[in-house]
Amino acid sequence: MLLTFSIACAFAGVLFSSLSFCVLSVALISSFVYARLRFVAEIDRTNLEIDRKILDDLVFAGMPVGVKVDVLNKDPITVRGTFQDMLPKNCVLASGTNTTTQELPPRTIMEMSYSIIPQKRGPQRFPGMKIDRVDALGLFAEDQTIEHITNITAHTKKESIDTARKLAGREHLEFSGITRNLAVVLRELEFDGIREYVPGDRARDIHWKLWPKTGKLMTKTYRKEGSVQTMVLVDCGRSMRLQSYKIAKIDHALDLSLQISNVLLSSFHPAGVAAFDELRVMTKVPPGLGSHQFDKIVKALRDVPGAFVQEGTTSPEETTTARKTPEPLMKGGRNPAGSSEFLSAIDKLSARGKGKSRGFGLESVVNETIARGRGQQQLFIVVSDLISSRDAVLAGAKTCQSTGNRMLVIHTYDEWYSRPEESVQTPDIERMYGDLTGALKVEAAFRGAGASYIRIGPADTSARIIRAIRRGKT
């Protein structure tokens, strides 16, 4: 409006040959230009110090976390406008407000408190502060973004941690047998069966009630229950983190790992965890029985990368990936869309290292743990989809077999984590049959290497898996 009025005055001065109109027009235009240049200079010299604090030590997906932001204006010019603390991409505002409109005088601090809720597990990033600036006269407005990055990592949902604690009070795991190094005896006399009396057996073990029925002395037998050092290994490769439906395999695997680890600890079995991908070990907690061992496991698994959705789709619920028969990269495994080039690179790298001690990913953890065990029998529980890491897991199973250790493979079967088709056509049935046939061959290979095997889907809980292990259906 001011600029329009200035132009109108200039036309009036020329039209009526009035010097006063011309002077007024020049004065207004000069004021307009000066205000603009001054506003640009204020934006350029903005000197704000942002201090963002996360008020919770441990952040869980789906749970509110407090955030406090202090903004100090170190510039001698007042900053006017609307301040908005930019939220991470996968977070929503829970309470309070991250936006305020005010004037921030020089050498003063503005405080802002609010809480957010991370919508998914994994790393989250606050990008900075956005300011909708206005000048002192209210003539101009400009958006300004001040970068100030704060990273947080959201753990799995708190319900999973609570479930792990409750499950530890209800379920237990026991492993019988005498190891090469005697284990810590938990139950020395656990009933095992009945056999015929042999001279030298203890009299108190004779089953006297069977004597009238059988005419023979029968003796109760017992087995020795001991603690077994256990390492839970979680596959965090690309195929595990690819989310094609409601739940990603990596999120389900982490929940299972937390819960199974706590059941092991509550059963007095030293437990540890390790997260690995195709090439390296991301995080590791050695097996232990300390009072804070479970807390260490929780914090270690917090840093595991989150799930991602394939490019070209908007959300897992809206993903409708074309189901074509993929060219298998490995026997018995599916090739998730968008991962063929990546897995091909891994195959080439693995081929180069054949015949050598590569020490990549899972293999390095298995070898190191066995070496540290000093002959004590150990158990390795591997949670993987067996796509990019199948060969490494199989090599680890053979190592366990040759060294007298045990391995349990929990196969997160990829087909069961995919979006169900509305209408299944003949090619889809043929593909699914081929995938299942390949999975059965993989199972046979692991059982041939002395490993136990369970195939699971998103509906399988830790309690069901533990009961299956206890019943020996692995």
Protein backbone atom coordinates (compact mmCIF):
# COMPACT_ATOMS: atom_id res chain seq x y z
CA MET A 1 0.00 0.00 0.00
CA LEU A 2 2.83 2.38 0.85
CA LEU A 3 4.52 1.69 -2.48
CA THR A 4 1.24 2.22 -4.35
CA PHE A 5 0.66 5.48 -2.52
CA SER A 6 4.20 6.65 -3.40
CA ILE A 7 3.67 5.91 -7.08
CA ALA A 8 0.31 7.71 -6.98
CA CYS A 9 1.99 10.79 -5.45
CA ALA A 10 4.65 10.72 -8.18
CA PHE A 11 1.97 10.65 -10.90
CA ALA A 12 0.07 13.46 -9.15
CA GLY A 13 3.23 15.59 -8.97
CA VAL A 14 3.88 15.15 -12.68
CA LEU A 15 0.24 15.57 -13.61
CA PHE A 16 -0.38 18.72 -11.53
CA SER A 17 3.22 20.00 -11.70
CA SER A 18 3.29 19.95 -7.89
CA LEU A 19 6.69 19.86 -6.23
CA SER A 20 5.22 18.82 -2.89
CA PHE A 21 3.76 15.63 -4.36
CA CYS A 22 7.10 14.77 -5.97
CA VAL A 23 9.01 15.35 -2.72
CA LEU A 24 6.48 13.25 -0.80
CA SER A 25 6.78 10.47 -3.36
CA VAL A 26 10.60 10.46 -3.18
CA ALA A 27 10.49 10.48 0.63
CA LEU A 28 8.07 7.55 0.78
CA ILE A 29 10.03 5.49 -1.75
CA SER A 30 13.29 6.23 0.07
CA SER A 31 11.72 5.17 3.38
CA PHE A 32 10.44 2.00 1.74
CA VAL A 33 13.87 1.11 0.31
CA TYR A 34 15.61 1.95 3.59
CA ALA A 35 13.21 -0.22 5.59
CA ARG A 36 13.78 -3.11 3.20
CA LEU A 37 17.57 -2.84 3.29
CA ARG A 38 17.55 -2.57 7.07
CA PHE A 39 15.32 -5.63 7.38
CA VAL A 40 17.61 -7.65 5.11
CA ALA A 41 20.62 -6.56 7.18
CA GLU A 42 18.84 -7.60 10.40
CA ILE A 43 18.18 -11.05 8.98
CA ASP A 44 21.77 -11.44 7.80
CA ARG A 45 23.25 -10.49 11.16
CA THR A 46 20.85 -12.61 13.25
CA ASN A 47 22.76 -14.16 16.13
CA LEU A 48 20.55 -16.50 18.12
CA GLU A 49 21.90 -19.18 20.45
CA ILE A 50 19.55 -22.17 20.69
CA ASP A 51 19.77 -24.65 23.55
CA ARG A 52 17.45 -27.64 23.11
CA LYS A 53 17.24 -30.24 25.89
CA ILE A 54 15.52 -33.62 25.88
CA LEU A 55 14.07 -34.13 29.34
CA ASP A 56 13.85 -37.95 29.22
CA ASP A 57 16.90 -40.21 29.30
CA LEU A 58 15.20 -43.05 27.43
CA VAL A 59 12.80 -42.29 24.58
CA PHE A 60 10.18 -44.86 23.56
CA ALA A 61 8.08 -44.98 20.40
CA GLY A 62 4.49 -44.01 21.11
CA MET A 63 5.34 -42.38 24.45
CA PRO A 64 5.56 -38.61 25.08
CA VAL A 65 8.99 -37.10 25.68
CA GLY A 66 9.58 -33.64 27.11
CA VAL A 67 11.53 -30.99 25.23
CA LYS A 68 12.76 -27.63 26.54
CA VAL A 69 14.16 -24.94 24.25
CA ASP A 70 15.97 -21.75 25.31
CA VAL A 71 16.68 -19.09 22.67
CA LEU A 72 19.17 -16.32 23.53
CA ASN A 73 19.28 -13.21 21.34
CA LYS A 74 22.95 -12.22 21.24
CA ASP A 75 22.36 -9.50 18.64
CA PRO A 76 21.75 -5.84 19.70
CA ILE A 77 18.63 -5.74 17.51
CA THR A 78 15.22 -7.01 18.59
CA VAL A 79 14.00 -10.07 16.73
CA ARG A 80 10.29 -9.95 15.92
CA GLY A 81 8.14 -12.70 14.50
CA THR A 82 6.78 -16.19 15.07
CA PHE A 83 9.26 -18.71 16.44
CA GLN A 84 8.64 -22.37 15.60
CA ASP A 85 10.86 -25.21 16.81
CA MET A 86 10.85 -27.68 13.93
CA LEU A 87 9.84 -31.21 14.94
CA PRO A 88 11.43 -34.43 13.66
CA LYS A 89 9.80 -36.02 10.65
CA ASN A 90 8.24 -38.98 12.48
CA CYS A 91 7.09 -37.12 15.60
CA VAL A 92 3.86 -35.36 16.52
CA LEU A 93 3.18 -32.69 19.12
CA ALA A 94 1.69 -34.19 22.31
CA SER A 95 1.26 -31.22 24.65
CA GLY A 96 2.40 -27.65 25.01
CA THR A 97 3.35 -25.63 21.97
CA ASN A 98 6.45 -25.39 19.84
CA THR A 99 5.31 -22.06 18.33
CA THR A 100 5.22 -18.59 19.86
CA THR A 101 4.82 -15.06 18.47
CA GLN A 102 6.70 -12.35 20.31
CA GLU A 103 9.50 -9.81 20.27
CA LEU A 104 12.86 -11.01 21.54
CA PRO A 105 14.86 -8.01 22.79
CA PRO A 106 18.68 -8.04 22.83
CA ARG A 107 20.39 -10.10 25.55
CA THR A 108 17.17 -11.81 26.57
CA ILE A 109 16.15 -15.47 26.64
CA MET A 110 12.92 -16.96 25.33
CA GLU A 111 11.79 -20.30 26.81
CA MET A 112 9.62 -22.90 25.12
CA SER A 113 8.44 -26.21 26.63
CA TYR A 114 6.45 -28.95 24.97
CA SER A 115 6.33 -32.72 24.53
CA ILE A 116 6.36 -34.88 21.40
CA ILE A 117 5.49 -38.48 20.60
CA PRO A 118 7.80 -40.42 18.25
CA GLN A 119 5.63 -42.43 15.89
CA LYS A 120 8.23 -45.08 15.12
CA ARG A 121 11.41 -46.59 16.48
CA GLY A 122 14.79 -45.34 15.32
CA PRO A 123 16.83 -42.13 15.16
CA GLN A 124 14.94 -38.82 15.11
CA ARG A 125 16.39 -35.38 14.30
CA PHE A 126 15.31 -31.87 15.23
CA PRO A 127 16.46 -29.81 12.21
CA GLY A 128 16.36 -26.34 13.77
CA MET A 129 14.26 -23.24 14.44
CA LYS A 130 11.99 -21.55 11.89
CA ILE A 131 11.19 -17.83 12.33
CA ASP A 132 8.58 -15.90 10.39
CA ARG A 133 10.30 -12.50 10.68
CA VAL A 134 8.64 -9.09 10.41
CA ASP A 135 10.34 -5.69 10.44
CA ALA A 136 9.75 -2.95 13.01
CA LEU A 137 7.24 -1.12 10.77
CA GLY A 138 5.35 -4.24 9.81
CA LEU A 139 6.04 -3.64 6.12
CA PHE A 140 7.97 -6.81 5.30
CA ALA A 141 7.84 -10.49 6.26
CA GLU A 142 10.45 -13.16 5.64
CA ASP A 143 10.90 -16.83 6.59
CA GLN A 144 14.22 -17.61 8.24
CA THR A 145 15.50 -21.03 9.28
CA ILE A 146 18.29 -21.36 11.82
CA GLU A 147 19.87 -24.81 11.72
CA HIS A 148 20.37 -26.40 15.10
CA ILE A 149 20.36 -30.20 14.96
CA THR A 150 19.49 -32.34 17.97
CA ASN A 151 19.47 -36.11 17.54
CA ILE A 152 17.47 -38.52 19.67
CA THR A 153 16.92 -42.24 19.31
CA ALA A 154 13.50 -43.69 20.00
CA HIS A 155 13.45 -47.21 21.34
CA THR A 156 10.75 -49.78 20.68
CA LYS A 157 7.37 -49.28 22.32
CA LYS A 158 7.44 -49.29 26.10
CA GLU A 159 4.83 -52.05 26.10
CA SER A 160 7.53 -54.37 24.72
CA ILE A 161 9.82 -53.61 27.68
CA ASP A 162 6.94 -54.11 30.12
CA THR A 163 6.06 -57.38 28.38
CA ALA A 164 9.67 -58.52 28.73
CA ARG A 165 9.57 -57.90 32.49
CA LYS A 166 6.22 -59.65 32.93
CA LEU A 167 7.24 -62.54 30.71
CA ALA A 168 10.35 -63.12 32.79
CA GLY A 169 8.13 -63.79 35.80
CA ARG A 170 5.96 -66.35 34.00
CA GLU A 171 8.23 -68.19 31.57
CA HIS A 172 11.55 -69.91 32.03
CA LEU A 173 14.09 -71.82 29.97
CA GLU A 174 16.08 -74.77 31.25
CA PHE A 175 18.88 -76.63 29.48
CA SER A 176 19.90 -80.06 30.70
CA GLY A 177 23.13 -81.94 30.29
CA ILE A 178 26.67 -81.71 31.56
CA THR A 179 28.96 -79.42 29.62
CA ARG A 180 32.67 -79.87 29.23
CA ASN A 181 33.08 -77.30 31.97
CA LEU A 182 30.56 -77.84 34.75
CA ALA A 183 27.82 -75.27 34.63
CA VAL A 184 26.35 -73.50 37.62
CA VAL A 185 23.84 -76.00 39.01
CA LEU A 186 20.38 -74.53 39.46
CA ARG A 187 18.35 -77.69 40.11
CA GLU A 188 20.52 -80.68 40.85
CA LEU A 189 17.60 -83.09 41.19
CA GLU A 190 15.14 -82.48 38.36
CA PHE A 191 12.99 -85.61 37.73
CA ASP A 192 13.76 -87.19 34.35
CA GLY A 193 12.36 -90.74 34.27
CA ILE A 194 12.32 -94.26 35.74
CA ARG A 195 14.61 -97.20 35.11
CA GLU A 196 15.33 -100.59 36.65
CA TYR A 197 17.25 -100.62 39.92
CA VAL A 198 21.01 -101.12 39.69
CA PRO A 199 23.06 -102.02 42.80
CA GLY A 200 24.61 -98.85 44.12
CA ASP A 201 21.57 -96.63 43.51
CA ARG A 202 20.39 -94.61 46.46
CA ALA A 203 17.60 -96.25 48.45
CA ARG A 204 15.66 -93.00 48.64
CA ASP A 205 15.38 -92.94 44.85
CA ILE A 206 13.59 -96.32 44.67
CA HIS A 207 10.00 -96.04 43.43
CA TRP A 208 8.41 -98.32 46.04
CA LYS A 209 4.87 -97.95 44.68
CA LEU A 210 5.83 -99.73 41.46
CA TRP A 211 7.22 -102.80 43.23
CA PRO A 212 3.80 -104.52 43.82
CA LYS A 213 2.79 -103.86 40.19
CA THR A 214 5.97 -104.88 38.39
CA GLY A 215 7.67 -107.17 40.87
CA LYS A 216 10.90 -105.26 40.21
CA LEU A 217 12.69 -102.48 41.96
CA MET A 218 12.51 -99.31 39.88
CA THR A 219 14.62 -96.22 40.48
CA LYS A 220 13.79 -92.60 39.77
CA THR A 221 16.35 -90.82 37.59
CA TYR A 222 17.17 -87.14 37.63
CA ARG A 223 18.88 -84.77 35.32
CA LYS A 224 21.17 -81.92 36.16
CA GLU A 225 19.99 -78.45 35.24
CA GLY A 226 22.66 -75.86 34.58
CA SER A 227 23.06 -72.34 33.26
CA VAL A 228 24.01 -71.91 29.62
CA GLN A 229 25.71 -68.78 28.36
CA THR A 230 23.49 -67.41 25.60
CA MET A 231 24.04 -64.82 22.89
CA VAL A 232 21.04 -63.37 21.03
CA LEU A 233 22.06 -62.22 17.54
CA VAL A 234 19.76 -59.83 15.66
CA ASP A 235 20.03 -59.39 11.89
CA CYS A 236 19.77 -55.67 11.02
CA GLY A 237 20.44 -55.96 7.30
CA ARG A 238 18.61 -54.02 4.62
CA SER A 239 16.02 -56.73 3.98
CA MET A 240 15.16 -56.88 7.70
CA ARG A 241 14.55 -53.11 7.81
CA LEU A 242 12.41 -52.96 4.66
CA GLN A 243 8.83 -52.46 5.82
CA SER A 244 6.14 -53.67 3.43
CA TYR A 245 3.20 -53.90 5.82
CA LYS A 246 2.14 -52.89 9.34
CA ILE A 247 5.21 -54.15 11.19
CA ALA A 248 8.79 -54.37 10.02
CA LYS A 249 10.78 -57.51 10.64
CA ILE A 250 13.49 -55.54 12.45
CA ASP A 251 11.01 -54.11 14.97
CA HIS A 252 9.51 -57.53 15.67
CA ALA A 253 13.00 -59.04 15.96
CA LEU A 254 14.08 -56.42 18.50
CA ASP A 255 10.98 -56.98 20.63
CA LEU A 256 11.59 -60.73 20.61
CA SER A 257 15.27 -60.26 21.45
CA LEU A 258 14.50 -58.06 24.45
CA GLN A 259 11.89 -60.43 25.79
CA ILE A 260 13.82 -63.65 25.23
CA SER A 261 16.94 -62.09 26.79
CA ASN A 262 15.04 -61.15 29.93
CA VAL A 263 13.53 -64.64 30.21
CA LEU A 264 17.03 -66.09 29.97
CA LEU A 265 18.32 -63.72 32.64
CA SER A 266 15.42 -64.53 34.96
CA SER A 267 16.25 -68.24 34.49
CA PHE A 268 19.84 -67.48 35.58
CA HIS A 269 21.35 -67.98 32.15
CA PRO A 270 24.00 -65.35 31.30
CA ALA A 271 22.64 -63.51 28.25
CA GLY A 272 24.00 -60.95 25.84
CA VAL A 273 22.98 -59.47 22.50
CA ALA A 274 24.61 -58.37 19.28
CA ALA A 275 23.18 -56.55 16.27
CA PHE A 276 24.84 -57.22 12.92
CA ASP A 277 24.30 -56.43 9.27
CA GLU A 278 25.88 -57.83 6.11
CA LEU A 279 29.38 -56.56 6.92
CA ARG A 280 29.79 -55.49 10.52
CA VAL A 281 28.66 -55.72 14.11
CA MET A 282 26.71 -52.58 15.04
CA THR A 283 26.45 -53.07 18.78
CA LYS A 284 27.23 -55.84 21.24
CA VAL A 285 26.72 -56.63 24.92
CA PRO A 286 28.73 -59.67 26.16
CA PRO A 287 26.77 -62.32 28.08
CA GLY A 288 26.39 -61.56 31.76
CA LEU A 289 24.16 -62.01 34.80
CA GLY A 290 24.55 -58.64 36.53
CA SER A 291 21.63 -56.78 38.01
CA HIS A 292 21.86 -54.17 35.24
CA GLN A 293 22.42 -56.58 32.36
CA PHE A 294 18.91 -56.14 30.96
CA ASP A 295 19.27 -52.34 31.06
CA LYS A 296 22.51 -52.67 29.10
CA ILE A 297 20.74 -54.80 26.50
CA VAL A 298 17.90 -52.28 26.21
CA LYS A 299 20.29 -49.37 25.66
CA ALA A 300 22.38 -51.31 23.14
CA LEU A 301 19.42 -52.26 20.97
CA ARG A 302 18.15 -48.68 21.06
CA ASP A 303 20.78 -47.67 18.49
CA VAL A 304 19.72 -50.22 15.87
CA PRO A 305 18.65 -48.43 12.65
CA GLY A 306 14.93 -48.05 12.08
CA ALA A 307 12.71 -49.48 9.37
CA PHE A 308 12.23 -47.75 6.05
CA VAL A 309 9.59 -47.84 3.34
CA GLN A 310 10.56 -48.60 -0.23
CA GLU A 311 10.89 -45.52 -2.44
CA GLY A 312 7.79 -44.80 -4.46
CA THR A 313 5.36 -45.76 -1.70
CA THR A 314 3.76 -43.46 0.84
CA SER A 315 3.15 -45.75 3.79
CA PRO A 316 3.10 -49.47 4.61
CA GLU A 317 -0.69 -49.44 4.57
CA GLU A 318 -0.76 -47.93 1.07
CA THR A 319 2.10 -49.96 -0.35
CA THR A 320 0.97 -52.10 -3.24
CA THR A 321 4.20 -53.50 -4.57
CA ALA A 322 3.86 -55.40 -7.83
CA ARG A 323 4.38 -59.09 -7.12
CA LYS A 324 6.62 -60.46 -9.81
CA THR A 325 8.63 -63.62 -9.54
CA PRO A 326 12.07 -62.38 -8.47
CA GLU A 327 15.30 -63.81 -9.60
CA PRO A 328 16.65 -65.52 -6.46
CA LEU A 329 20.01 -64.29 -5.30
CA MET A 330 20.36 -67.08 -2.75
CA LYS A 331 18.73 -70.46 -2.44
CA GLY A 332 15.63 -70.44 -0.32
CA GLY A 333 15.35 -66.71 0.15
CA ARG A 334 13.21 -63.94 -1.30
CA ASN A 335 14.68 -60.95 -2.98
CA PRO A 336 12.86 -57.87 -1.62
CA ALA A 337 12.14 -55.16 -4.15
CA GLY A 338 14.79 -52.53 -4.41
CA SER A 339 17.55 -54.64 -2.88
CA SER A 340 18.89 -56.65 -5.84
CA GLU A 341 21.87 -54.40 -6.51
CA PHE A 342 22.75 -54.24 -2.83
CA LEU A 343 22.54 -58.00 -2.29
CA SER A 344 24.49 -58.64 -5.48
CA ALA A 345 27.31 -56.50 -4.11
CA ILE A 346 27.25 -58.48 -0.88
CA ASP A 347 27.40 -61.76 -2.82
CA LYS A 348 30.45 -60.56 -4.78
CA LEU A 349 32.17 -59.45 -1.60
CA SER A 350 31.45 -62.79 0.06
CA ALA A 351 32.71 -64.67 -3.00
CA ARG A 352 36.04 -62.85 -2.81
CA GLY A 353 36.52 -63.98 0.76
CA LYS A 354 35.83 -67.69 0.30
CA GLY A 355 38.49 -69.83 1.85
CA LYS A 356 39.60 -67.00 4.12
CA SER A 357 38.60 -65.92 7.59
CA ARG A 358 36.41 -62.96 6.70
CA GLY A 359 35.11 -62.19 10.19
CA PHE A 360 32.15 -60.23 8.85
CA GLY A 361 28.97 -59.70 10.85
CA LEU A 362 27.61 -62.75 12.60
CA GLU A 363 30.64 -64.95 12.00
CA SER A 364 32.93 -62.64 13.96
CA VAL A 365 30.53 -62.61 16.95
CA VAL A 366 30.20 -66.40 16.99
CA ASN A 367 33.96 -66.97 16.73
CA GLU A 368 34.78 -64.39 19.39
CA THR A 369 32.12 -65.63 21.82
CA ILE A 370 33.23 -69.25 21.45
CA ALA A 371 36.84 -68.23 22.02
CA ARG A 372 35.94 -66.31 25.17
CA GLY A 373 33.83 -69.22 26.44
CA ARG A 374 36.96 -71.31 26.98
CA GLY A 375 35.31 -74.63 26.27
CA GLN A 376 31.98 -74.01 28.01
CA GLN A 377 28.98 -75.01 25.95
CA GLN A 378 27.10 -71.96 24.69
CA LEU A 379 23.84 -71.20 22.93
CA PHE A 380 23.40 -68.76 20.03
CA ILE A 381 19.89 -67.54 19.17
CA VAL A 382 19.81 -65.90 15.74
CA VAL A 383 16.80 -63.81 14.64
CA SER A 384 17.03 -63.24 10.88
CA ASP A 385 15.06 -63.37 7.64
CA LEU A 386 17.94 -65.38 6.09
CA ILE A 387 18.03 -63.29 2.92
CA SER A 388 21.30 -61.38 2.92
CA SER A 389 22.84 -63.25 5.88
CA ARG A 390 21.85 -66.84 5.18
CA ASP A 391 25.35 -68.02 4.30
CA ALA A 392 26.85 -66.34 7.37
CA VAL A 393 24.26 -67.89 9.69
CA LEU A 394 24.78 -71.32 8.14
CA ALA A 395 28.54 -70.95 8.56
CA GLY A 396 27.99 -70.02 12.20
CA ALA A 397 25.77 -73.09 12.68
CA LYS A 398 28.50 -75.34 11.29
CA THR A 399 31.03 -73.69 13.58
CA CYS A 400 28.77 -74.35 16.57
CA GLN A 401 28.33 -77.98 15.49
CA SER A 402 32.07 -78.55 15.17
CA THR A 403 32.83 -76.92 18.54
CA GLY A 404 30.05 -78.58 20.56
CA ASN A 405 27.90 -75.46 20.91
CA ARG A 406 24.24 -74.94 20.06
CA MET A 407 22.40 -72.61 17.71
CA LEU A 408 18.71 -71.77 17.42
CA VAL A 409 17.62 -69.96 14.24
CA ILE A 410 14.40 -67.93 14.49
CA HIS A 411 13.47 -67.29 10.86
CA THR A 412 11.33 -64.17 10.33
CA TYR A 413 9.72 -65.56 7.20
CA ASP A 414 9.54 -62.69 4.72
CA GLU A 415 6.30 -63.78 3.03
CA TRP A 416 4.35 -63.52 6.30
CA TYR A 417 5.46 -59.91 6.86
CA SER A 418 4.23 -58.73 3.44
CA ARG A 419 0.96 -57.06 2.61
CA PRO A 420 -1.71 -59.68 1.84
CA GLU A 421 -3.07 -59.49 -1.67
CA GLU A 422 -6.76 -58.74 -2.17
CA SER A 423 -6.96 -61.35 -4.89
CA VAL A 424 -4.39 -64.09 -5.30
CA GLN A 425 -3.68 -65.14 -8.86
CA THR A 426 -2.08 -68.33 -10.11
CA PRO A 427 1.39 -66.73 -10.55
CA ASP A 428 1.24 -65.52 -6.92
CA ILE A 429 0.38 -69.02 -5.70
CA GLU A 430 3.25 -70.48 -7.71
CA ARG A 431 5.64 -67.88 -6.34
CA MET A 432 4.55 -68.46 -2.73
CA TYR A 433 4.87 -72.21 -3.21
CA GLY A 434 8.38 -71.73 -4.57
CA ASP A 435 9.30 -69.49 -1.63
CA LEU A 436 8.00 -72.03 0.89
CA THR A 437 9.82 -74.87 -0.88
CA GLY A 438 13.02 -72.86 -0.71
CA ALA A 439 12.43 -72.12 2.98
CA LEU A 440 12.00 -75.84 3.67
CA LYS A 441 15.33 -76.50 1.97
CA VAL A 442 16.91 -73.82 4.14
CA GLU A 443 15.41 -75.44 7.24
CA ALA A 444 16.82 -78.82 6.18
CA ALA A 445 20.25 -77.25 5.69
CA PHE A 446 20.23 -75.76 9.20
CA ARG A 447 19.00 -78.94 10.83
CA GLY A 448 21.70 -80.82 8.94
CA ALA A 449 24.24 -78.44 10.49
CA GLY A 450 22.93 -79.30 13.97
CA ALA A 451 20.93 -76.10 14.49
CA SER A 452 17.36 -75.85 15.76
CA TYR A 453 14.94 -73.90 13.57
CA ILE A 454 11.67 -71.97 14.02
CA ARG A 455 9.77 -70.14 11.26
CA ILE A 456 7.76 -67.19 12.62
CA GLY A 457 5.52 -64.35 11.49
CA PRO A 458 4.32 -61.07 13.02
CA ALA A 459 1.64 -62.85 15.09
CA ASP A 460 4.16 -65.02 16.92
CA THR A 461 4.97 -63.80 20.43
CA SER A 462 7.93 -64.51 22.66
CA ALA A 463 5.78 -66.64 24.96
CA ARG A 464 4.80 -68.94 22.09
CA ILE A 465 8.40 -69.21 20.90
CA ILE A 466 9.69 -69.99 24.39
CA ARG A 467 7.05 -72.67 24.93
CA ALA A 468 7.93 -74.20 21.56
CA ILE A 469 11.58 -74.32 22.59
CA ARG A 470 10.70 -75.87 25.94
CA ARG A 471 8.53 -78.52 24.31
CA GLY A 472 11.38 -79.37 21.98
CA LYS A 473 9.48 -78.46 18.81
CA THR A 474 12.50 -76.80 17.27
